[in-house]
Amino acid sequence: MTILSTLFPSYWHMKKTTHKDKQIFLELVSKKGMSNCPMCGTPSSRIHSHYVRSIKDLPLTGYTVHLSPIVQKFFCDYIGCRRKIFTERFPLP
């Protein structure tokens, strides 16, 4: 276990870390296999797709941190829900 992996909750997997010229690049992958639809609350494990979010300019001891979490989109299969595809949500720390 690296020091960086202790900074993130257990539902994240540290896929790749690199550094160059006072910059740190962290690529995280969500390990959540399911998520609840934010509109109706129905749980779903049927994945639609993945995409990369980008969070930049997080200062860490003189380094610029570029955080790239890869998150999942799910299908909502509840017939009464207006939202058919949604992005997984993560709790605030």
PDB file of N, CA and C in Angstrom:
ATOM      1  N   MET A   1       0.843  -1.176   0.000  1.00  0.00           N
ATOM      2  CA  MET A   1       0.000   0.000   0.000  1.00  0.00           C
ATOM      3  C   MET A   1       0.893   1.245   0.000  1.00  0.00           C
ATOM      4  N   THR A   2       0.681   2.119  -0.952  1.00  0.00           N
ATOM      5  CA  THR A   2       1.466   3.342  -1.022  1.00  0.00           C
ATOM      6  C   THR A   2       0.792   4.433  -0.204  1.00  0.00           C
ATOM      7  N   ILE A   3       1.532   5.483   0.060  1.00  0.00           N
ATOM      8  CA  ILE A   3       0.969   6.613   0.805  1.00  0.00           C
ATOM      9  C   ILE A   3      -0.179   7.247   0.032  1.00  0.00           C
ATOM     10  N   LEU A   4      -0.091   7.281  -1.309  1.00  0.00           N
ATOM     11  CA  LEU A   4      -1.166   7.866  -2.109  1.00  0.00           C
ATOM     12  C   LEU A   4      -2.453   7.051  -2.018  1.00  0.00           C
ATOM     13  N   SER A   5      -2.342   5.732  -1.960  1.00  0.00           N
ATOM     14  CA  SER A   5      -3.552   4.912  -1.906  1.00  0.00           C
ATOM     15  C   SER A   5      -4.306   5.091  -0.590  1.00  0.00           C
ATOM     16  N   THR A   6      -3.637   5.544   0.454  1.00  0.00           N
ATOM     17  CA  THR A   6      -4.328   5.781   1.724  1.00  0.00           C
ATOM     18  C   THR A   6      -5.137   7.076   1.700  1.00  0.00           C
ATOM     19  N   LEU A   7      -4.922   7.932   0.699  1.00  0.00           N
ATOM     20  CA  LEU A   7      -5.648   9.199   0.603  1.00  0.00           C
ATOM     21  C   LEU A   7      -7.042   9.057   0.013  1.00  0.00           C
ATOM     22  N   PHE A   8      -7.330   7.924  -0.623  1.00  0.00           N
ATOM     23  CA  PHE A   8      -8.591   7.747  -1.334  1.00  0.00           C
ATOM     24  C   PHE A   8      -9.402   6.620  -0.710  1.00  0.00           C
ATOM     25  N   PRO A   9     -10.745   6.741  -0.723  1.00  0.00           N
ATOM     26  CA  PRO A   9     -11.604   5.681  -0.178  1.00  0.00           C
ATOM     27  C   PRO A   9     -11.399   4.347  -0.910  1.00  0.00           C
ATOM     28  N   SER A  10     -11.865   3.287  -0.295  1.00  0.00           N
ATOM     29  CA  SER A  10     -11.615   1.934  -0.813  1.00  0.00           C
ATOM     30  C   SER A  10     -12.306   1.640  -2.137  1.00  0.00           C
ATOM     31  N   TYR A  11     -13.295   2.444  -2.544  1.00  0.00           N
ATOM     32  CA  TYR A  11     -13.954   2.192  -3.821  1.00  0.00           C
ATOM     33  C   TYR A  11     -13.172   2.764  -5.005  1.00  0.00           C
ATOM     34  N   TRP A  12     -11.998   3.311  -4.762  1.00  0.00           N
ATOM     35  CA  TRP A  12     -11.114   3.776  -5.830  1.00  0.00           C
ATOM     36  C   TRP A  12      -9.904   2.866  -5.925  1.00  0.00           C
ATOM     37  N   HIS A  13      -9.489   2.601  -7.150  1.00  0.00           N
ATOM     38  CA  HIS A  13      -8.260   1.853  -7.410  1.00  0.00           C
ATOM     39  C   HIS A  13      -7.284   2.805  -8.099  1.00  0.00           C
ATOM     40  N   MET A  14      -6.082   2.911  -7.558  1.00  0.00           N
ATOM     41  CA  MET A  14      -5.058   3.760  -8.154  1.00  0.00           C
ATOM     42  C   MET A  14      -4.497   3.032  -9.366  1.00  0.00           C
ATOM     43  N   LYS A  15      -4.873   3.471 -10.559  1.00  0.00           N
ATOM     44  CA  LYS A  15      -4.462   2.805 -11.786  1.00  0.00           C
ATOM     45  C   LYS A  15      -3.048   3.203 -12.205  1.00  0.00           C
ATOM     46  N   LYS A  16      -2.746   4.500 -12.103  1.00  0.00           N
ATOM     47  CA  LYS A  16      -1.463   4.971 -12.600  1.00  0.00           C
ATOM     48  C   LYS A  16      -1.058   6.248 -11.875  1.00  0.00           C
ATOM     49  N   THR A  17       0.219   6.357 -11.552  1.00  0.00           N
ATOM     50  CA  THR A  17       0.760   7.589 -10.990  1.00  0.00           C
ATOM     51  C   THR A  17       2.030   7.943 -11.758  1.00  0.00           C
ATOM     52  N   THR A  18       2.147   9.193 -12.121  1.00  0.00           N
ATOM     53  CA  THR A  18       3.358   9.681 -12.780  1.00  0.00           C
ATOM     54  C   THR A  18       3.658  11.076 -12.246  1.00  0.00           C
ATOM     55  N   HIS A  19       4.898  11.487 -12.407  1.00  0.00           N
ATOM     56  CA  HIS A  19       5.260  12.851 -12.032  1.00  0.00           C
ATOM     57  C   HIS A  19       6.281  13.401 -13.025  1.00  0.00           C
ATOM     58  N   LYS A  20       6.217  14.713 -13.207  1.00  0.00           N
ATOM     59  CA  LYS A  20       7.127  15.390 -14.124  1.00  0.00           C
ATOM     60  C   LYS A  20       7.124  16.876 -13.783  1.00  0.00           C
ATOM     61  N   ASP A  21       8.292  17.438 -13.609  1.00  0.00           N
ATOM     62  CA  ASP A  21       8.447  18.883 -13.414  1.00  0.00           C
ATOM     63  C   ASP A  21       7.465  19.474 -12.402  1.00  0.00           C
ATOM     64  N   LYS A  22       7.544  19.036 -11.176  1.00  0.00           N
ATOM     65  CA  LYS A  22       6.695  19.568 -10.099  1.00  0.00           C
ATOM     66  C   LYS A  22       5.201  19.349 -10.334  1.00  0.00           C
ATOM     67  N   GLN A  23       4.862  18.313 -11.099  1.00  0.00           N
ATOM     68  CA  GLN A  23       3.468  17.944 -11.325  1.00  0.00           C
ATOM     69  C   GLN A  23       3.296  16.457 -11.016  1.00  0.00           C
ATOM     70  N   ILE A  24       2.172  16.134 -10.402  1.00  0.00           N
ATOM     71  CA  ILE A  24       1.832  14.737 -10.114  1.00  0.00           C
ATOM     72  C   ILE A  24       0.539  14.426 -10.852  1.00  0.00           C
ATOM     73  N   PHE A  25       0.512  13.303 -11.561  1.00  0.00           N
ATOM     74  CA  PHE A  25      -0.658  12.859 -12.310  1.00  0.00           C
ATOM     75  C   PHE A  25      -1.167  11.564 -11.686  1.00  0.00           C
ATOM     76  N   LEU A  26      -2.413  11.570 -11.238  1.00  0.00           N
ATOM     77  CA  LEU A  26      -3.017  10.403 -10.601  1.00  0.00           C
ATOM     78  C   LEU A  26      -4.222   9.959 -11.422  1.00  0.00           C
ATOM     79  N   GLU A  27      -4.238   8.695 -11.813  1.00  0.00           N
ATOM     80  CA  GLU A  27      -5.376   8.145 -12.541  1.00  0.00           C
ATOM     81  C   GLU A  27      -6.043   7.098 -11.653  1.00  0.00           C
ATOM     82  N   LEU A  28      -7.314   7.337 -11.324  1.00  0.00           N
ATOM     83  CA  LEU A  28      -8.085   6.467 -10.442  1.00  0.00           C
ATOM     84  C   LEU A  28      -9.212   5.812 -11.217  1.00  0.00           C
ATOM     85  N   VAL A  29      -9.552   4.589 -10.842  1.00  0.00           N
ATOM     86  CA  VAL A  29     -10.668   3.872 -11.461  1.00  0.00           C
ATOM     87  C   VAL A  29     -11.655   3.496 -10.363  1.00  0.00           C
ATOM     88  N   SER A  30     -12.925   3.754 -10.610  1.00  0.00           N
ATOM     89  CA  SER A  30     -13.959   3.385  -9.656  1.00  0.00           C
ATOM     90  C   SER A  30     -14.099   1.865  -9.599  1.00  0.00           C
ATOM     91  N   LYS A  31     -14.173   1.327  -8.371  1.00  0.00           N
ATOM     92  CA  LYS A  31     -14.376  -0.113  -8.189  1.00  0.00           C
ATOM     93  C   LYS A  31     -15.821  -0.449  -7.829  1.00  0.00           C
ATOM     94  N   LYS A  32     -16.694   0.565  -7.849  1.00  0.00           N
ATOM     95  CA  LYS A  32     -18.088   0.326  -7.502  1.00  0.00           C
ATOM     96  C   LYS A  32     -18.753  -0.474  -8.620  1.00  0.00           C
ATOM     97  N   GLY A  33     -19.377  -1.550  -8.283  1.00  0.00           N
ATOM     98  CA  GLY A  33     -20.037  -2.386  -9.276  1.00  0.00           C
ATOM     99  C   GLY A  33     -21.494  -2.034  -9.486  1.00  0.00           C
ATOM    100  N   MET A  34     -21.989  -1.125  -8.652  1.00  0.00           N
ATOM    101  CA  MET A  34     -23.381  -0.695  -8.784  1.00  0.00           C
ATOM    102  C   MET A  34     -23.528   0.699  -8.201  1.00  0.00           C
ATOM    103  N   SER A  35     -24.624   1.332  -8.584  1.00  0.00           N
ATOM    104  CA  SER A  35     -24.915   2.668  -8.079  1.00  0.00           C
ATOM    105  C   SER A  35     -26.425   2.873  -8.112  1.00  0.00           C
ATOM    106  N   ASN A  36     -26.924   3.729  -7.248  1.00  0.00           N
ATOM    107  CA  ASN A  36     -28.357   4.031  -7.216  1.00  0.00           C
ATOM    108  C   ASN A  36     -28.666   5.207  -8.127  1.00  0.00           C
ATOM    109  N   CYS A  37     -29.767   5.107  -8.853  1.00  0.00           N
ATOM    110  CA  CYS A  37     -30.219   6.192  -9.705  1.00  0.00           C
ATOM    111  C   CYS A  37     -30.506   7.404  -8.817  1.00  0.00           C
ATOM    112  N   PRO A  38     -29.946   8.568  -9.146  1.00  0.00           N
ATOM    113  CA  PRO A  38     -30.179   9.742  -8.304  1.00  0.00           C
ATOM    114  C   PRO A  38     -31.615  10.266  -8.385  1.00  0.00           C
ATOM    115  N   MET A  39     -32.358   9.871  -9.395  1.00  0.00           N
ATOM    116  CA  MET A  39     -33.725  10.365  -9.549  1.00  0.00           C
ATOM    117  C   MET A  39     -34.733   9.484  -8.795  1.00  0.00           C
ATOM    118  N   CYS A  40     -34.632   8.152  -8.962  1.00  0.00           N
ATOM    119  CA  CYS A  40     -35.636   7.268  -8.349  1.00  0.00           C
ATOM    120  C   CYS A  40     -35.067   6.384  -7.245  1.00  0.00           C
ATOM    121  N   GLY A  41     -33.747   6.292  -7.132  1.00  0.00           N
ATOM    122  CA  GLY A  41     -33.121   5.487  -6.081  1.00  0.00           C
ATOM    123  C   GLY A  41     -32.961   4.017  -6.396  1.00  0.00           C
ATOM    124  N   THR A  42     -33.361   3.580  -7.598  1.00  0.00           N
ATOM    125  CA  THR A  42     -33.253   2.174  -7.969  1.00  0.00           C
ATOM    126  C   THR A  42     -31.793   1.788  -8.171  1.00  0.00           C
ATOM    127  N   PRO A  43     -31.323   0.698  -7.524  1.00  0.00           N
ATOM    128  CA  PRO A  43     -29.941   0.271  -7.740  1.00  0.00           C
ATOM    129  C   PRO A  43     -29.763  -0.327  -9.137  1.00  0.00           C
ATOM    130  N   SER A  44     -28.584  -0.109  -9.704  1.00  0.00           N
ATOM    131  CA  SER A  44     -28.282  -0.652 -11.013  1.00  0.00           C
ATOM    132  C   SER A  44     -26.843  -1.141 -11.049  1.00  0.00           C
ATOM    133  N   SER A  45     -26.643  -2.277 -11.691  1.00  0.00           N
ATOM    134  CA  SER A  45     -25.294  -2.791 -11.920  1.00  0.00           C
ATOM    135  C   SER A  45     -25.011  -2.914 -13.420  1.00  0.00           C
ATOM    136  N   ARG A  46     -25.954  -2.431 -14.220  1.00  0.00           N
ATOM    137  CA  ARG A  46     -25.795  -2.516 -15.678  1.00  0.00           C
ATOM    138  C   ARG A  46     -25.064  -1.266 -16.165  1.00  0.00           C
ATOM    139  N   ILE A  47     -23.807  -1.441 -16.538  1.00  0.00           N
ATOM    140  CA  ILE A  47     -22.943  -0.322 -16.914  1.00  0.00           C
ATOM    141  C   ILE A  47     -23.199   0.093 -18.361  1.00  0.00           C
ATOM    142  N   HIS A  48     -23.359   1.375 -18.559  1.00  0.00           N
ATOM    143  CA  HIS A  48     -23.545   1.955 -19.893  1.00  0.00           C
ATOM    144  C   HIS A  48     -22.196   2.291 -20.526  1.00  0.00           C
ATOM    145  N   SER A  49     -21.334   2.996 -19.776  1.00  0.00           N
ATOM    146  CA  SER A  49     -20.040   3.422 -20.312  1.00  0.00           C
ATOM    147  C   SER A  49     -19.155   3.942 -19.182  1.00  0.00           C
ATOM    148  N   HIS A  50     -17.952   4.336 -19.543  1.00  0.00           N
ATOM    149  CA  HIS A  50     -16.988   4.945 -18.624  1.00  0.00           C
ATOM    150  C   HIS A  50     -16.517   6.257 -19.233  1.00  0.00           C
ATOM    151  N   TYR A  51     -16.121   7.189 -18.394  1.00  0.00           N
ATOM    152  CA  TYR A  51     -15.491   8.397 -18.906  1.00  0.00           C
ATOM    153  C   TYR A  51     -14.558   8.972 -17.849  1.00  0.00           C
ATOM    154  N   VAL A  52     -13.664   9.839 -18.293  1.00  0.00           N
ATOM    155  CA  VAL A  52     -12.656  10.422 -17.415  1.00  0.00           C
ATOM    156  C   VAL A  52     -13.083  11.830 -17.026  1.00  0.00           C
ATOM    157  N   ARG A  53     -13.112  12.068 -15.743  1.00  0.00           N
ATOM    158  CA  ARG A  53     -13.297  13.428 -15.233  1.00  0.00           C
ATOM    159  C   ARG A  53     -11.906  14.013 -15.028  1.00  0.00           C
ATOM    160  N   SER A  54     -11.838  15.305 -14.897  1.00  0.00           N
ATOM    161  CA  SER A  54     -10.538  15.944 -14.734  1.00  0.00           C
ATOM    162  C   SER A  54     -10.603  16.984 -13.623  1.00  0.00           C
ATOM    163  N   ILE A  55      -9.754  16.807 -12.618  1.00  0.00           N
ATOM    164  CA  ILE A  55      -9.659  17.752 -11.508  1.00  0.00           C
ATOM    165  C   ILE A  55      -8.200  18.198 -11.468  1.00  0.00           C
ATOM    166  N   LYS A  56      -7.973  19.494 -11.650  1.00  0.00           N
ATOM    167  CA  LYS A  56      -6.597  19.985 -11.756  1.00  0.00           C
ATOM    168  C   LYS A  56      -6.301  21.055 -10.722  1.00  0.00           C
ATOM    169  N   ASP A  57      -5.026  21.341 -10.627  1.00  0.00           N
ATOM    170  CA  ASP A  57      -4.521  22.422  -9.786  1.00  0.00           C
ATOM    171  C   ASP A  57      -4.818  22.224  -8.305  1.00  0.00           C
ATOM    172  N   LEU A  58      -4.629  21.022  -7.841  1.00  0.00           N
ATOM    173  CA  LEU A  58      -4.729  20.761  -6.415  1.00  0.00           C
ATOM    174  C   LEU A  58      -3.318  20.839  -5.833  1.00  0.00           C
ATOM    175  N   PRO A  59      -2.975  21.887  -5.074  1.00  0.00           N
ATOM    176  CA  PRO A  59      -1.610  22.010  -4.570  1.00  0.00           C
ATOM    177  C   PRO A  59      -1.304  20.978  -3.491  1.00  0.00           C
ATOM    178  N   LEU A  60      -0.130  20.378  -3.583  1.00  0.00           N
ATOM    179  CA  LEU A  60       0.307  19.393  -2.591  1.00  0.00           C
ATOM    180  C   LEU A  60       1.808  19.558  -2.405  1.00  0.00           C
ATOM    181  N   THR A  61       2.208  20.165  -1.323  1.00  0.00           N
ATOM    182  CA  THR A  61       3.621  20.400  -0.982  1.00  0.00           C
ATOM    183  C   THR A  61       4.449  20.899  -2.157  1.00  0.00           C
ATOM    184  N   GLY A  62       3.954  21.939  -2.815  1.00  0.00           N
ATOM    185  CA  GLY A  62       4.709  22.549  -3.903  1.00  0.00           C
ATOM    186  C   GLY A  62       4.529  21.907  -5.262  1.00  0.00           C
ATOM    187  N   TYR A  63       3.753  20.834  -5.336  1.00  0.00           N
ATOM    188  CA  TYR A  63       3.482  20.159  -6.597  1.00  0.00           C
ATOM    189  C   TYR A  63       2.051  20.463  -7.053  1.00  0.00           C
ATOM    190  N   THR A  64       1.843  20.527  -8.343  1.00  0.00           N
ATOM    191  CA  THR A  64       0.493  20.632  -8.884  1.00  0.00           C
ATOM    192  C   THR A  64      -0.003  19.213  -9.120  1.00  0.00           C
ATOM    193  N   VAL A  65      -1.191  18.908  -8.614  1.00  0.00           N
ATOM    194  CA  VAL A  65      -1.750  17.564  -8.733  1.00  0.00           C
ATOM    195  C   VAL A  65      -2.862  17.569  -9.782  1.00  0.00           C
ATOM    196  N   HIS A  66      -2.780  16.637 -10.712  1.00  0.00           N
ATOM    197  CA  HIS A  66      -3.813  16.452 -11.731  1.00  0.00           C
ATOM    198  C   HIS A  66      -4.488  15.115 -11.442  1.00  0.00           C
ATOM    199  N   LEU A  67      -5.736  15.161 -11.031  1.00  0.00           N
ATOM    200  CA  LEU A  67      -6.486  13.974 -10.648  1.00  0.00           C
ATOM    201  C   LEU A  67      -7.442  13.608 -11.776  1.00  0.00           C
ATOM    202  N   SER A  68      -7.349  12.368 -12.251  1.00  0.00           N
ATOM    203  CA  SER A  68      -8.197  11.899 -13.356  1.00  0.00           C
ATOM    204  C   SER A  68      -8.968  10.657 -12.928  1.00  0.00           C
ATOM    205  N   PRO A  69     -10.143  10.845 -12.306  1.00  0.00           N
ATOM    206  CA  PRO A  69     -10.955   9.677 -11.947  1.00  0.00           C
ATOM    207  C   PRO A  69     -11.746   9.162 -13.152  1.00  0.00           C
ATOM    208  N   ILE A  70     -11.701   7.856 -13.362  1.00  0.00           N
ATOM    209  CA  ILE A  70     -12.490   7.220 -14.421  1.00  0.00           C
ATOM    210  C   ILE A  70     -13.762   6.705 -13.752  1.00  0.00           C
ATOM    211  N   VAL A  71     -14.906   7.283 -14.142  1.00  0.00           N
ATOM    212  CA  VAL A  71     -16.178   6.949 -13.507  1.00  0.00           C
ATOM    213  C   VAL A  71     -17.085   6.210 -14.494  1.00  0.00           C
ATOM    214  N   GLN A  72     -18.145   5.611 -13.952  1.00  0.00           N
ATOM    215  CA  GLN A  72     -19.047   4.792 -14.756  1.00  0.00           C
ATOM    216  C   GLN A  72     -20.410   5.453 -14.906  1.00  0.00           C
ATOM    217  N   LYS A  73     -21.038   5.180 -16.028  1.00  0.00           N
ATOM    218  CA  LYS A  73     -22.440   5.540 -16.228  1.00  0.00           C
ATOM    219  C   LYS A  73     -23.233   4.239 -16.211  1.00  0.00           C
ATOM    220  N   PHE A  74     -24.418   4.299 -15.623  1.00  0.00           N
ATOM    221  CA  PHE A  74     -25.275   3.129 -15.490  1.00  0.00           C
ATOM    222  C   PHE A  74     -26.614   3.374 -16.172  1.00  0.00           C
ATOM    223  N   PHE A  75     -27.287   2.291 -16.519  1.00  0.00           N
ATOM    224  CA  PHE A  75     -28.665   2.346 -17.003  1.00  0.00           C
ATOM    225  C   PHE A  75     -29.591   2.289 -15.802  1.00  0.00           C
ATOM    226  N   CYS A  76     -30.660   3.079 -15.811  1.00  0.00           N
ATOM    227  CA  CYS A  76     -31.733   2.934 -14.831  1.00  0.00           C
ATOM    228  C   CYS A  76     -32.824   2.115 -15.506  1.00  0.00           C
ATOM    229  N   ASP A  77     -33.117   0.934 -14.972  1.00  0.00           N
ATOM    230  CA  ASP A  77     -34.077   0.023 -15.584  1.00  0.00           C
ATOM    231  C   ASP A  77     -35.496   0.151 -15.022  1.00  0.00           C
ATOM    232  N   TYR A  78     -35.685   1.088 -14.083  1.00  0.00           N
ATOM    233  CA  TYR A  78     -37.029   1.269 -13.545  1.00  0.00           C
ATOM    234  C   TYR A  78     -37.882   1.971 -14.593  1.00  0.00           C
ATOM    235  N   ILE A  79     -38.954   1.310 -15.005  1.00  0.00           N
ATOM    236  CA  ILE A  79     -39.781   1.799 -16.109  1.00  0.00           C
ATOM    237  C   ILE A  79     -40.441   3.137 -15.818  1.00  0.00           C
ATOM    238  N   GLY A  80     -40.668   3.446 -14.543  1.00  0.00           N
ATOM    239  CA  GLY A  80     -41.322   4.698 -14.183  1.00  0.00           C
ATOM    240  C   GLY A  80     -40.366   5.879 -14.027  1.00  0.00           C
ATOM    241  N   CYS A  81     -39.073   5.664 -14.225  1.00  0.00           N
ATOM    242  CA  CYS A  81     -38.088   6.731 -14.040  1.00  0.00           C
ATOM    243  C   CYS A  81     -37.825   7.451 -15.362  1.00  0.00           C
ATOM    244  N   ARG A  82     -37.749   8.765 -15.297  1.00  0.00           N
ATOM    245  CA  ARG A  82     -37.469   9.559 -16.501  1.00  0.00           C
ATOM    246  C   ARG A  82     -35.997   9.489 -16.904  1.00  0.00           C
ATOM    247  N   ARG A  83     -35.126   9.232 -15.939  1.00  0.00           N
ATOM    248  CA  ARG A  83     -33.696   9.174 -16.234  1.00  0.00           C
ATOM    249  C   ARG A  83     -33.334   7.750 -16.645  1.00  0.00           C
ATOM    250  N   LYS A  84     -32.820   7.588 -17.830  1.00  0.00           N
ATOM    251  CA  LYS A  84     -32.472   6.257 -18.338  1.00  0.00           C
ATOM    252  C   LYS A  84     -30.996   5.927 -18.155  1.00  0.00           C
ATOM    253  N   ILE A  85     -30.147   6.953 -18.115  1.00  0.00           N
ATOM    254  CA  ILE A  85     -28.706   6.774 -17.925  1.00  0.00           C
ATOM    255  C   ILE A  85     -28.249   7.786 -16.878  1.00  0.00           C
ATOM    256  N   PHE A  86     -27.406   7.348 -15.945  1.00  0.00           N
ATOM    257  CA  PHE A  86     -26.912   8.248 -14.917  1.00  0.00           C
ATOM    258  C   PHE A  86     -25.464   7.932 -14.575  1.00  0.00           C
ATOM    259  N   THR A  87     -24.779   8.930 -14.055  1.00  0.00           N
ATOM    260  CA  THR A  87     -23.393   8.775 -13.631  1.00  0.00           C
ATOM    261  C   THR A  87     -23.365   8.418 -12.154  1.00  0.00           C
ATOM    262  N   GLU A  88     -22.483   7.497 -11.798  1.00  0.00           N
ATOM    263  CA  GLU A  88     -22.381   7.085 -10.394  1.00  0.00           C
ATOM    264  C   GLU A  88     -22.027   8.276  -9.517  1.00  0.00           C
ATOM    265  N   ARG A  89     -22.521   8.251  -8.297  1.00  0.00           N
ATOM    266  CA  ARG A  89     -22.294   9.309  -7.330  1.00  0.00           C
ATOM    267  C   ARG A  89     -21.331   8.792  -6.258  1.00  0.00           C
ATOM    268  N   PHE A  90     -20.620   9.726  -5.650  1.00  0.00           N
ATOM    269  CA  PHE A  90     -19.680   9.388  -4.599  1.00  0.00           C
ATOM    270  C   PHE A  90     -19.960  10.237  -3.371  1.00  0.00           C
ATOM    271  N   PRO A  91     -19.903   9.646  -2.178  1.00  0.00           N
ATOM    272  CA  PRO A  91     -20.180  10.415  -0.963  1.00  0.00           C
ATOM    273  C   PRO A  91     -19.074  11.435  -0.705  1.00  0.00           C
ATOM    274  N   LEU A  92     -19.448  12.543  -0.134  1.00  0.00           N
ATOM    275  CA  LEU A  92     -18.457  13.537   0.260  1.00  0.00           C
ATOM    276  C   LEU A  92     -17.759  13.043   1.534  1.00  0.00           C
ATOM    277  N   PRO A  93     -16.475  13.349   1.664  1.00  0.00           N
ATOM    278  CA  PRO A  93     -15.745  12.879   2.858  1.00  0.00           C
ATOM    279  C   PRO A  93     -16.219  13.547   4.122  1.00  0.00           C
TER     280      PRO A  93
END
